[in-house]
Amino acid sequence: MKLVNWSYAKRYNIKAIFDDFPHIVVRFRQIGGYYFIFSMQGVTKDHVPERRDYVRMEYLLNKELGLLDAYKNRRTRTL
């Protein structure tokens, strides 16, 4: 999976598009020095991201923004 495009949105959100899910707009919010997925637009029943996809999306965006250390050191870690 690759981060195709991202941009700042209203109220400190970031909108991003990933190549594995080009029809879904993923919104991120910042908390504790890193960004996490807040919502998604365009999800269809046929093509729903799984938990591992969510983690990968968060990882890629935080890496792009230089916040990877804060993301890796968050309190609740995912497997």
Protein backbone atom coordinates (compact mmCIF):
# COMPACT_ATOMS: atom_id res chain seq x y z
CA MET A 1 0.00 0.00 0.00
CA LYS A 2 1.20 3.51 -0.82
CA LEU A 3 0.04 6.97 0.19
CA VAL A 4 -1.11 8.57 -3.06
CA ASN A 5 -2.18 12.03 -1.92
CA TRP A 6 -2.88 13.94 1.28
CA SER A 7 -3.98 17.45 2.17
CA TYR A 8 -5.02 19.47 5.19
CA ALA A 9 -8.74 19.81 5.77
CA LYS A 10 -10.95 21.78 8.16
CA ARG A 11 -10.51 21.59 11.93
CA TYR A 12 -6.99 20.17 11.94
CA ASN A 13 -7.95 17.10 9.90
CA ILE A 14 -5.95 15.53 7.12
CA LYS A 15 -7.58 13.87 4.10
CA ALA A 16 -5.63 11.07 2.46
CA ILE A 17 -6.00 8.59 -0.40
CA PHE A 18 -4.17 5.27 -0.64
CA ASP A 19 -3.52 3.21 -3.76
CA ASP A 20 -5.18 0.03 -2.41
CA PHE A 21 -8.40 1.97 -1.70
CA PRO A 22 -8.48 4.82 -4.27
CA HIS A 23 -12.25 5.35 -3.91
CA ILE A 24 -12.04 5.93 -0.13
CA VAL A 25 -11.15 9.29 1.42
CA VAL A 26 -9.61 8.69 4.83
CA ARG A 27 -9.76 11.47 7.44
CA PHE A 28 -7.15 11.64 10.16
CA ARG A 29 -7.09 13.64 13.39
CA GLN A 30 -4.13 14.47 15.55
CA ILE A 31 -3.84 13.26 19.11
CA GLY A 32 -0.76 13.00 21.28
CA GLY A 33 1.64 14.09 18.58
CA TYR A 34 0.53 11.65 15.88
CA TYR A 35 -2.42 11.14 13.52
CA PHE A 36 -5.03 8.38 13.69
CA ILE A 37 -7.98 7.47 11.48
CA PHE A 38 -11.09 9.40 12.41
CA SER A 39 -13.47 8.57 9.55
CA MET A 40 -13.74 7.24 6.02
CA GLN A 41 -15.90 8.29 3.09
CA GLY A 42 -16.74 6.10 0.12
CA VAL A 43 -16.53 2.69 1.79
CA THR A 44 -18.54 0.05 -0.09
CA LYS A 45 -19.64 -3.37 1.12
CA ASP A 46 -17.48 -5.02 -1.54
CA HIS A 47 -14.24 -3.34 -0.56
CA VAL A 48 -13.94 -2.72 3.18
CA PRO A 49 -10.51 -2.11 4.75
CA GLU A 50 -9.46 -4.49 7.51
CA ARG A 51 -7.74 -3.71 10.80
CA ARG A 52 -4.28 -4.31 9.34
CA ASP A 53 -5.12 -1.83 6.55
CA TYR A 54 -6.03 0.82 9.13
CA VAL A 55 -2.73 0.32 10.94
CA ARG A 56 -0.80 0.51 7.67
CA MET A 57 -2.60 3.73 6.66
CA GLU A 58 -1.82 5.36 10.01
CA TYR A 59 1.80 4.21 9.77
CA LEU A 60 2.27 5.60 6.25
CA LEU A 61 0.72 9.00 7.02
CA ASN A 62 2.69 9.47 10.23
CA LYS A 63 5.88 8.46 8.41
CA GLU A 64 5.16 11.01 5.68
CA LEU A 65 4.63 13.76 8.27
CA GLY A 66 7.70 12.88 10.33
CA LEU A 67 5.64 11.74 13.32
CA LEU A 68 6.56 8.07 13.19
CA ASP A 69 8.36 8.04 16.56
CA ALA A 70 5.29 9.42 18.35
CA TYR A 71 3.10 6.89 16.54
CA LYS A 72 5.32 3.96 17.50
CA ASN A 73 5.45 5.10 21.14
CA ARG A 74 1.70 5.55 21.61
CA ARG A 75 0.14 4.02 24.72
CA THR A 76 -2.21 1.53 23.05
CA ARG A 77 -0.26 -0.58 20.65
CA THR A 78 -1.91 -2.68 17.99
CA LEU A 79 -0.74 -6.10 16.92
